[in-house]
């Protein structure tokens, strides 16, 4: 077993096949090379340095840790995983049962690479993931690094293997189930139909409608915190690679020639993750986003997928469908060096900010629906006044 530090994009190209196989084996859609390398080409921060670690056994890829390094304005050198900020559930990948052996090699190379990491950050990583703990325990030389949780969120999910589709549907509260069916009937009577993009041209065309709907939805709230022109270019690349295998799933609801809802899902190895969506406010009474998500769930069940992750955040609409959840964490691994006390001090404002975000999110979940609507309107007025 050996590890290699990969510093350039071209050197990663020969690894894409086995890398993608790992993403499928571990059912991690956002850890696939199509997603991560498209993010690197179009979205990576200026000045970011590729620092991917590939672990081989013989001539075969055993594990991959696709990190990049960036020096923050504070002077802190942070290592993050490709795709950071645009997706969660990011982690190194290894063959099942080989995580500990791979972590030993990865930690050894991380500890000796340049620039030396002041902090290694995992963003939206499942609490069940062993990677932060394994890298801490296998870090060579001296005391183990510090682990600091910055923020946690629930990630609602649907597990398809626990029941049939009919059993799952019957688990939805009768009032909600009747309302879902009533709205679907009403929108169908108006000519509404669902579309799944299955070709490159359909995906590219659908992405334009998706972006328009999403931007318009967030315009009054100060703009989208996720979508931007660079992310749009990334999505187009991902769609070209994955749409034919139904691993990039762009679902739309159309009435005539008009797209009134558009939702993006990414899949790998039986795991499907909801990424982002948008809908036409004029059709809000029909619940077009919820109807489109429901159509995507029906399709995933028919495809034999094992689970659908609804993404970080405990928004009420997710629990209309989800019967389970896991916790995802934002974690910092801080190697103990002469710089680590300064690093911790410089990270403190960021940690406090994220904990405040978590507290606001938790408080919002406890509010009534009417109180949440009043809060949304108040925030919209604040954004418009900026």
Protein backbone atom coordinates (compact mmCIF):
# COMPACT_ATOMS: atom_id res chain seq x y z
CA UNK A 1 0.00 0.00 0.00
CA UNK A 2 1.31 3.42 -0.90
CA UNK A 3 0.04 6.99 -0.99
CA UNK A 4 0.57 9.70 -3.58
CA UNK A 5 0.01 13.43 -3.25
CA UNK A 6 -1.63 14.75 -6.43
CA UNK A 7 -1.08 18.44 -7.07
CA UNK A 8 -2.60 18.90 -10.54
CA UNK A 9 -5.93 18.25 -12.21
CA UNK A 10 -4.47 16.34 -15.15
CA UNK A 11 -2.85 13.78 -12.86
CA UNK A 12 -6.31 12.92 -11.47
CA UNK A 13 -7.82 12.02 -14.83
CA UNK A 14 -6.48 8.43 -14.94
CA UNK A 15 -8.03 7.81 -11.52
CA UNK A 16 -11.55 8.85 -12.45
CA UNK A 17 -12.86 5.35 -13.23
CA UNK A 18 -11.82 3.74 -9.94
CA UNK A 19 -12.63 6.92 -8.03
CA UNK A 20 -16.16 6.85 -9.41
CA UNK A 21 -16.38 3.18 -8.47
CA UNK A 22 -15.62 4.11 -4.86
CA UNK A 23 -18.34 6.79 -4.88
CA UNK A 24 -20.84 4.23 -6.18
CA UNK A 25 -19.72 1.55 -3.71
CA UNK A 26 -20.10 3.95 -0.77
CA UNK A 27 -23.26 5.61 -2.19
CA UNK A 28 -21.82 9.12 -1.95
CA UNK A 29 -23.15 11.14 -4.92
CA UNK A 30 -21.29 14.37 -4.10
CA UNK A 31 -17.98 12.51 -3.71
CA UNK A 32 -18.00 11.35 -7.34
CA UNK A 33 -15.30 12.83 -9.59
CA UNK A 34 -17.90 14.28 -11.97
CA UNK A 35 -19.20 16.50 -9.17
CA UNK A 36 -15.94 17.26 -7.36
CA UNK A 37 -13.74 17.96 -10.38
CA UNK A 38 -16.42 20.10 -12.06
CA UNK A 39 -16.54 22.10 -8.82
CA UNK A 40 -12.75 22.47 -8.93
CA UNK A 41 -12.76 23.70 -12.52
CA UNK A 42 -15.50 26.28 -12.08
CA UNK A 43 -16.00 27.11 -8.41
CA UNK A 44 -12.73 26.65 -6.50
CA UNK A 45 -11.61 29.80 -4.64
CA UNK A 46 -8.93 31.94 -6.23
CA UNK A 47 -5.51 30.82 -5.09
CA UNK A 48 -6.72 27.37 -3.95
CA UNK A 49 -4.13 24.59 -4.22
CA UNK A 50 -5.10 21.02 -5.13
CA UNK A 51 -3.85 18.58 -2.51
CA UNK A 52 -5.53 15.25 -3.29
CA UNK A 53 -4.18 12.10 -1.67
CA UNK A 54 -4.61 8.81 -3.55
CA UNK A 55 -3.94 5.52 -1.76
CA UNK A 56 -3.04 2.49 -3.88
CA UNK A 57 -2.71 -1.20 -3.20
CA UNK A 58 -0.69 -2.57 -6.05
CA UNK A 59 -1.98 -0.76 -9.13
CA UNK A 60 -5.51 -0.29 -7.84
CA UNK A 61 -7.01 2.71 -6.07
CA UNK A 62 -7.85 1.79 -2.49
CA UNK A 63 -8.86 5.24 -1.22
CA UNK A 64 -8.94 8.89 -2.21
CA UNK A 65 -9.02 12.07 -0.13
CA UNK A 66 -9.66 14.97 -2.55
CA UNK A 67 -8.53 17.95 -0.48
CA UNK A 68 -7.53 21.44 -1.50
CA UNK A 69 -5.64 24.03 0.53
CA UNK A 70 -6.37 27.72 0.85
CA UNK A 71 -4.84 30.45 2.97
CA UNK A 72 -7.57 32.52 4.60
CA UNK A 73 -7.30 36.32 5.12
CA UNK A 74 -6.59 35.54 8.78
CA UNK A 75 -3.45 33.66 7.75
CA UNK A 76 -4.91 30.25 8.62
CA UNK A 77 -4.14 27.49 6.09
CA UNK A 78 -7.30 25.42 5.79
CA UNK A 79 -7.70 22.08 4.01
CA UNK A 80 -11.20 21.33 2.71
CA UNK A 81 -12.72 18.72 0.42
CA UNK A 82 -13.58 19.49 -3.19
CA UNK A 83 -17.19 20.61 -3.44
CA UNK A 84 -17.10 22.44 -0.10
CA UNK A 85 -19.75 25.11 0.20
CA UNK A 86 -21.79 23.68 -2.66
CA UNK A 87 -22.71 20.31 -1.14
CA UNK A 88 -22.62 18.24 2.02
CA UNK A 89 -21.82 14.61 2.83
CA UNK A 90 -18.25 15.17 1.64
CA UNK A 91 -15.61 12.77 2.93
CA UNK A 92 -12.66 10.68 1.79
CA UNK A 93 -13.58 7.41 0.10
CA UNK A 94 -12.10 3.98 0.78
CA UNK A 95 -12.98 0.39 0.04
CA UNK A 96 -15.26 -1.02 2.72
CA UNK A 97 -13.22 -2.22 5.69
CA UNK A 98 -10.07 -0.40 4.59
CA UNK A 99 -10.75 2.96 6.24
CA UNK A 100 -8.21 2.58 9.05
CA UNK A 101 -5.36 1.48 6.78
CA UNK A 102 -6.16 4.28 4.34
CA UNK A 103 -6.44 6.89 7.10
CA UNK A 104 -2.92 6.02 8.29
CA UNK A 105 -1.50 6.83 4.87
CA UNK A 106 -3.67 9.93 4.38
CA UNK A 107 -2.81 11.36 7.80
CA UNK A 108 0.89 10.76 7.20
CA UNK A 109 0.86 12.66 3.91
CA UNK A 110 -1.33 15.48 5.24
CA UNK A 111 1.04 16.01 8.17
CA UNK A 112 4.04 16.42 5.87
CA UNK A 113 2.61 18.29 2.89
CA UNK A 114 3.12 21.94 2.06
CA UNK A 115 1.59 24.26 2.98
CA UNK A 116 1.14 22.56 6.32
CA UNK A 117 -2.53 22.46 7.33
CA UNK A 118 -3.44 24.60 10.33
CA UNK A 119 -6.92 23.11 10.21
CA UNK A 120 -8.67 20.36 8.22
CA UNK A 121 -12.39 21.03 7.86
CA UNK A 122 -15.22 18.60 7.19
CA UNK A 123 -18.48 20.25 6.13
CA UNK A 124 -21.87 18.58 6.44
CA UNK A 125 -20.29 15.19 7.16
CA UNK A 126 -22.44 12.43 8.58
CA UNK A 127 -21.91 11.92 12.30
CA UNK A 128 -21.60 8.21 11.47
CA UNK A 129 -18.55 8.85 9.29
CA UNK A 130 -15.33 7.55 10.86
CA UNK A 131 -13.00 9.90 8.99
CA UNK A 132 -12.50 12.81 11.43
CA UNK A 133 -11.84 10.36 14.27
CA UNK A 134 -9.57 8.10 12.19
CA UNK A 135 -7.41 10.96 10.91
CA UNK A 136 -7.09 12.26 14.46
CA UNK A 137 -6.09 8.86 15.85
CA UNK A 138 -3.59 8.06 13.06
CA UNK A 139 -1.96 11.51 12.92
CA UNK A 140 1.79 10.84 13.22
CA UNK A 141 4.09 12.27 15.87
CA UNK A 142 3.21 14.07 19.06
CA UNK A 143 -0.23 14.54 20.62
CA UNK A 144 -3.39 13.88 18.66
CA UNK A 145 -4.98 16.85 16.86
CA UNK A 146 -7.94 18.63 18.41
CA UNK A 147 -11.46 17.96 17.13
CA UNK A 148 -13.86 20.90 17.28
CA UNK A 149 -17.50 20.71 16.21
CA UNK A 150 -18.54 24.00 14.65
CA UNK A 151 -22.18 23.25 13.86
CA UNK A 152 -24.67 20.40 13.52
CA UNK A 153 -27.89 20.02 11.58
CA UNK A 154 -30.45 17.28 11.03
CA UNK A 155 -30.56 15.67 7.60
CA UNK A 156 -34.02 14.12 7.05
CA UNK A 157 -34.01 10.98 4.93
CA UNK A 158 -36.24 8.31 3.41
CA UNK A 159 -35.10 4.70 3.58
CA UNK A 160 -36.70 2.71 0.77
CA UNK A 161 -35.57 -0.70 1.99
CA UNK A 162 -37.65 -0.54 5.18
CA UNK A 163 -41.06 -0.72 3.48
CA UNK A 164 -42.89 -0.78 0.19
CA UNK A 165 -43.92 2.41 -1.56
CA UNK A 166 -47.55 1.82 -0.58
CA UNK A 167 -46.57 1.34 3.07
CA UNK A 168 -44.49 4.52 3.03
CA UNK A 169 -47.29 6.51 1.42
CA UNK A 170 -49.77 5.26 4.00
CA UNK A 171 -47.41 6.48 6.77
CA UNK A 172 -48.01 10.10 5.70
CA UNK A 173 -50.62 11.71 7.94
CA UNK A 174 -54.07 11.26 6.34
CA UNK A 175 -54.70 15.02 6.15
CA UNK A 176 -51.36 15.61 4.40
CA UNK A 177 -51.88 12.65 2.09
CA UNK A 178 -55.29 13.92 1.02
CA UNK A 179 -53.85 17.40 0.43
CA UNK A 180 -51.00 16.02 -1.67
CA UNK A 181 -53.43 14.09 -3.84
CA UNK A 182 -55.87 16.99 -4.09
CA UNK A 183 -53.14 19.37 -5.29
CA UNK A 184 -51.79 16.83 -7.77
CA UNK A 185 -55.29 16.34 -9.15
CA UNK A 186 -55.81 20.10 -9.46
CA UNK A 187 -52.48 20.71 -11.21
CA UNK A 188 -53.04 17.75 -13.54
CA UNK A 189 -56.43 19.15 -14.49
CA UNK A 190 -54.62 22.39 -15.45
CA UNK A 191 -52.34 20.40 -17.77
CA UNK A 192 -49.46 19.94 -15.36
CA UNK A 193 -46.96 17.17 -16.13
CA UNK A 194 -43.66 15.99 -14.68
CA UNK A 195 -40.51 15.71 -16.76
CA UNK A 196 -37.20 14.02 -15.97
CA UNK A 197 -34.31 15.18 -18.14
CA UNK A 198 -32.77 12.07 -19.70
CA UNK A 199 -30.55 13.62 -22.38
CA UNK A 200 -27.78 16.20 -22.36
CA UNK A 201 -29.83 18.69 -24.40
CA UNK A 202 -32.87 18.31 -22.12
CA UNK A 203 -30.67 18.77 -19.04
CA UNK A 204 -28.99 21.90 -20.37
CA UNK A 205 -32.34 23.39 -21.34
CA UNK A 206 -33.83 22.39 -17.99
CA UNK A 207 -30.95 23.95 -16.06
CA UNK A 208 -31.71 27.33 -17.60
CA UNK A 209 -35.30 27.11 -16.34
CA UNK A 210 -34.08 25.85 -12.97
CA UNK A 211 -31.73 28.82 -12.54
CA UNK A 212 -34.41 31.32 -13.53
CA UNK A 213 -36.90 29.89 -11.03
CA UNK A 214 -34.36 29.68 -8.23
CA UNK A 215 -33.03 33.22 -8.68
CA UNK A 216 -36.53 34.66 -8.84
CA UNK A 217 -37.56 32.76 -5.71
CA UNK A 218 -34.66 34.26 -3.72
CA UNK A 219 -34.59 37.73 -5.27
CA UNK A 220 -36.67 39.33 -2.49
CA UNK A 221 -34.55 37.64 0.19
CA UNK A 222 -31.26 39.15 -0.85
CA UNK A 223 -30.29 36.56 -3.47
CA UNK A 224 -29.35 32.90 -3.47
CA UNK A 225 -26.67 31.73 -1.10
CA UNK A 226 -25.87 28.70 -3.25
CA UNK A 227 -26.48 29.29 -6.95
CA UNK A 228 -24.34 31.65 -9.05
CA UNK A 229 -23.00 31.69 -12.64
CA UNK A 230 -19.98 29.56 -11.72
CA UNK A 231 -22.17 26.92 -10.09
CA UNK A 232 -24.35 26.97 -13.22
CA UNK A 233 -21.31 26.08 -15.35
CA UNK A 234 -20.44 23.30 -12.92
CA UNK A 235 -23.95 21.87 -13.06
CA UNK A 236 -23.89 21.84 -16.87
CA UNK A 237 -20.66 19.81 -16.78
CA UNK A 238 -22.06 17.39 -14.20
CA UNK A 239 -25.26 16.95 -16.21
CA UNK A 240 -23.35 16.15 -19.39
CA UNK A 241 -21.47 13.37 -17.58
CA UNK A 242 -24.17 11.86 -15.41
CA UNK A 243 -27.61 12.49 -16.90
CA UNK A 244 -27.46 9.46 -19.19
CA UNK A 245 -26.98 7.13 -16.22
CA UNK A 246 -29.77 8.81 -14.24
CA UNK A 247 -27.22 9.96 -11.67
CA UNK A 248 -28.01 13.62 -12.34
CA UNK A 249 -31.78 13.91 -12.03
CA UNK A 250 -33.36 17.20 -13.04
CA UNK A 251 -37.07 16.98 -12.36
CA UNK A 252 -39.46 19.62 -13.68
CA UNK A 253 -43.17 20.29 -13.50
CA UNK A 254 -44.54 21.93 -16.63
CA UNK A 255 -47.86 23.48 -17.52
CA UNK A 256 -47.92 23.83 -21.27
CA UNK A 257 -44.58 25.37 -22.25
CA UNK A 258 -44.07 26.90 -18.82
CA UNK A 259 -41.81 25.31 -16.17
CA UNK A 260 -43.30 26.02 -12.74
CA UNK A 261 -41.00 23.84 -10.61
CA UNK A 262 -37.50 22.47 -11.04
CA UNK A 263 -35.62 20.27 -8.55
CA UNK A 264 -32.15 18.69 -8.74
CA UNK A 265 -31.17 15.31 -7.29
CA UNK A 266 -27.81 13.52 -7.57
CA UNK A 267 -27.46 9.73 -7.22
CA UNK A 268 -24.80 7.04 -6.78
CA UNK A 269 -24.96 3.42 -5.71
CA UNK A 270 -28.56 3.45 -4.53
CA UNK A 271 -28.19 6.72 -2.60
CA UNK A 272 -30.07 9.78 -3.88
CA UNK A 273 -29.53 13.28 -2.48
CA UNK A 274 -31.74 16.31 -2.99
CA UNK A 275 -29.60 19.32 -3.87
CA UNK A 276 -31.64 22.44 -4.70
CA UNK A 277 -34.81 23.65 -6.36
CA UNK A 278 -37.02 26.53 -7.34
CA UNK A 279 -40.64 27.16 -8.23
CA UNK A 280 -42.94 29.79 -9.71
CA UNK A 281 -44.60 31.83 -6.94
CA UNK A 282 -47.71 32.31 -9.06
CA UNK A 283 -48.40 28.58 -8.72
CA UNK A 284 -47.59 28.35 -5.02
CA UNK A 285 -51.17 27.32 -4.13
CA UNK A 286 -50.58 24.03 -5.96
CA UNK A 287 -47.41 23.19 -4.02
CA UNK A 288 -45.33 22.63 -7.19
CA UNK A 289 -42.02 21.97 -5.38
CA UNK A 290 -43.52 19.40 -3.04
CA UNK A 291 -45.32 17.75 -5.94
CA UNK A 292 -42.08 17.55 -7.94
CA UNK A 293 -40.14 16.12 -4.99
CA UNK A 294 -42.91 13.55 -4.56
CA UNK A 295 -42.55 12.54 -8.22
CA UNK A 296 -38.79 12.14 -7.72
CA UNK A 297 -39.42 9.92 -4.68
CA UNK A 298 -41.82 7.73 -6.67
CA UNK A 299 -39.20 7.39 -9.41
CA UNK A 300 -36.39 6.55 -6.96
CA UNK A 301 -38.53 3.81 -5.47
CA UNK A 302 -39.22 2.40 -8.93
CA UNK A 303 -35.48 2.48 -9.73
CA UNK A 304 -34.67 0.35 -6.69
CA UNK A 305 -32.73 3.04 -4.84
CA UNK A 306 -32.06 2.42 -1.16
CA UNK A 307 -32.44 5.85 0.40
CA UNK A 308 -33.05 9.51 -0.33
CA UNK A 309 -31.23 12.16 1.65
CA UNK A 310 -33.25 15.38 1.76
CA UNK A 311 -30.18 17.49 2.54
CA UNK A 312 -29.02 19.33 5.69
CA UNK A 313 -31.67 21.35 7.49
CA UNK A 314 -34.85 20.51 9.31
CA UNK A 315 -37.30 22.37 7.08
CA UNK A 316 -40.88 21.32 7.71
CA UNK A 317 -41.62 20.18 4.14
CA UNK A 318 -38.89 17.53 4.35
CA UNK A 319 -40.65 15.78 7.22
CA UNK A 320 -43.77 15.52 5.12
CA UNK A 321 -41.88 12.71 3.36
CA UNK A 322 -39.01 11.72 5.67
CA UNK A 323 -39.46 9.24 8.50
CA UNK A 324 -35.83 9.18 9.63
CA UNK A 325 -32.91 11.53 9.95
CA UNK A 326 -29.22 11.58 10.64
CA UNK A 327 -27.05 14.33 12.04
CA UNK A 328 -24.46 16.07 9.90
CA UNK A 329 -21.61 18.03 11.46
CA UNK A 330 -19.20 20.77 10.52
CA UNK A 331 -15.93 19.72 12.16
CA UNK A 332 -12.44 21.17 12.42
CA UNK A 333 -9.40 18.94 12.94
CA UNK A 334 -6.58 21.12 14.29
CA UNK A 335 -3.07 19.58 14.36
CA UNK A 336 -1.13 20.48 17.49
CA UNK A 337 1.79 22.67 16.47
CA UNK A 338 3.37 25.86 17.74
CA UNK A 339 0.79 27.69 15.61
CA UNK A 340 -2.28 25.83 16.90
CA UNK A 341 -3.09 28.25 19.80
CA UNK A 342 -3.07 31.15 17.31
CA UNK A 343 -5.13 29.09 14.85
CA UNK A 344 -7.77 28.39 17.49
CA UNK A 345 -7.94 32.07 18.38
CA UNK A 346 -8.32 33.09 14.74
CA UNK A 347 -11.04 30.50 14.17
CA UNK A 348 -13.04 31.58 17.22
CA UNK A 349 -15.19 34.26 15.47
CA UNK A 350 -16.09 31.77 12.73
CA UNK A 351 -16.98 29.09 15.26
CA UNK A 352 -19.17 31.49 17.23
CA UNK A 353 -20.91 32.59 14.03
CA UNK A 354 -21.72 29.03 13.04
CA UNK A 355 -22.99 28.18 16.50
CA UNK A 356 -25.26 31.22 16.29
CA UNK A 357 -26.53 29.96 12.92
CA UNK A 358 -27.25 26.58 14.50
CA UNK A 359 -29.09 28.22 17.40
CA UNK A 360 -31.22 30.31 15.00
CA UNK A 361 -32.03 27.24 12.95
CA UNK A 362 -33.07 25.27 16.03
CA UNK A 363 -35.16 28.16 17.32
CA UNK A 364 -36.89 28.50 13.94
CA UNK A 365 -37.88 24.83 14.02
CA UNK A 366 -39.73 25.45 17.28
CA UNK A 367 -41.75 28.34 15.85
CA UNK A 368 -45.28 27.90 14.58
CA UNK A 369 -45.93 28.08 10.84
CA UNK A 370 -47.43 31.58 11.20
CA UNK A 371 -44.44 32.78 13.21
CA UNK A 372 -42.05 31.40 10.58
CA UNK A 373 -43.93 33.22 7.84
CA UNK A 374 -43.74 36.48 9.79
CA UNK A 375 -40.01 35.92 10.29
CA UNK A 376 -39.50 35.28 6.56
CA UNK A 377 -41.35 38.49 5.67
CA UNK A 378 -39.32 40.47 8.20
CA UNK A 379 -36.06 39.09 6.80
CA UNK A 380 -37.20 39.91 3.26
CA UNK A 381 -37.85 43.53 4.30
CA UNK A 382 -34.39 43.69 5.84
CA UNK A 383 -32.78 42.35 2.64
CA UNK A 384 -34.69 44.80 0.48
CA UNK A 385 -33.51 47.66 2.66
CA UNK A 386 -29.82 46.84 2.21
